[in-house]
Amino acid sequence: SQFVPSRPFRRRILKREEESMARALRNQLESRFLIRFVQSPTLFASCFTSSRSLQTLAYEEVRSSGDGKTESTALILHGLLGSGRNWRSFSRSLASSLSVSSASDWKMVLVDLRNHGRSTEVEGINPPHDLVNSAKDLADLVKASGWNWPDVVIGHSLGGKVALQFMESCARGDYGESASPPKQLWVLDSVPGEVKAEKSDGEVEKVLHTLQSLPSPITSRTWLVDHMVELGFSRSLSEWIGSNLKRSGDSETWAFNLDGAVQMFKSYRETSYWSLLENPPKETEISFVIAEKSDRWDHDTTTRLETIANRRQSVADGKVATHLLRNSGHWVHTDNPKGLLEIVSPNFLSTHK
């Protein structure tokens, strides 16, 4: 007589066949994805991007993915009137580079500082809007998220001074005994001392004053750009300002809290971190990137910084370093992102592990 499998037996056979087909399809897809990664590491890094917002600062994540047994964290801080998204492209490039060279996997956290980006929509971020509270926001984010304290903080312009304040407050114990200073800071085209009015061309002040005098709401981005060009601002600057508008009904509103940003800029100008550079925490490194064509620096400031760097060359005792970014103005991540990556990547913390 012919053998007729029972119904349960047939179901088991069918299930095994389906699982076998699923494994084959999954292996095929993983193989294709691996080939695409080898051909395009940047694509791979961008696939590990996420966006979240807590009742603290808003932020995005960009992750490197390698074979590292540990995960390290870097906070990325934008400049005045910017947002974390300004640094997506550079962060992805850096993550891709580190996925090849690093002994650990990296999580890049692109933060929207208070009064900027999506953090303007977060309740409970109260004045005073200064560097001390801006840095404390970072500590609150770390604690609320349950992360380890960041290994690296990268800050551009205003964000550079927030990074310096964060290190100083960590070292001073302001965030509790569990807090530890970042092992490395990258301060991108941000002067460490006070910014005197007589040593500034006043462009930022003119921009802020102009924005405060504009009608509200703004009818369109085109009108804003043309209006600022008529007032004497460059078209590139005017278009960048226009990129910070967001649609609200039939008009445009700012993606930042202008009054709060003005207070933050005032704190930026009035605060000095020379004492931190003279005595940095042990086992840390503070690296300054000076843009060759930036208007933020004067001879006295660069000379003083280089003198400290020459004296502070040991990470064990607290190191200070300077790097010159050629062919770039203040907007280092857009003027010369390739040159910036060539400075940061080989000198990044991961290369010392």
Foldseek 3Di string as FASTA:
>chain_A
DDDDDDPVVVVVVVVVVVVVVVVVVVVVVVVVVVVVCVVPVLVVQVVQKAWDDDLFWGKIKTKADAPAPAEAEEEEAEAFLAFLVVCVSLVSVLSSLCNPVFNHIYIYIRTGFCQAFPNVVRPDLDDPLELLSSLVSVLVVCVVVVHQAHQEYEYAALGLQSLLNNQVCQVVQVSHPRGHHHQEYEYEAYFQAAADPVLDPCPVVVVLVVVVPDDPPAQALVVQLVVVVVVPDDSVVSNVQSVQWDDDPRTTDGSGNSVSSVSHVVNSNHDHCVVCLLFPDASHEYEYEHEPAESRDDPVRVVSLVVSQVVAPDNRRYHYYYHYQYQDYSSCCPRPSPSVSVVDNCVDPRVVD
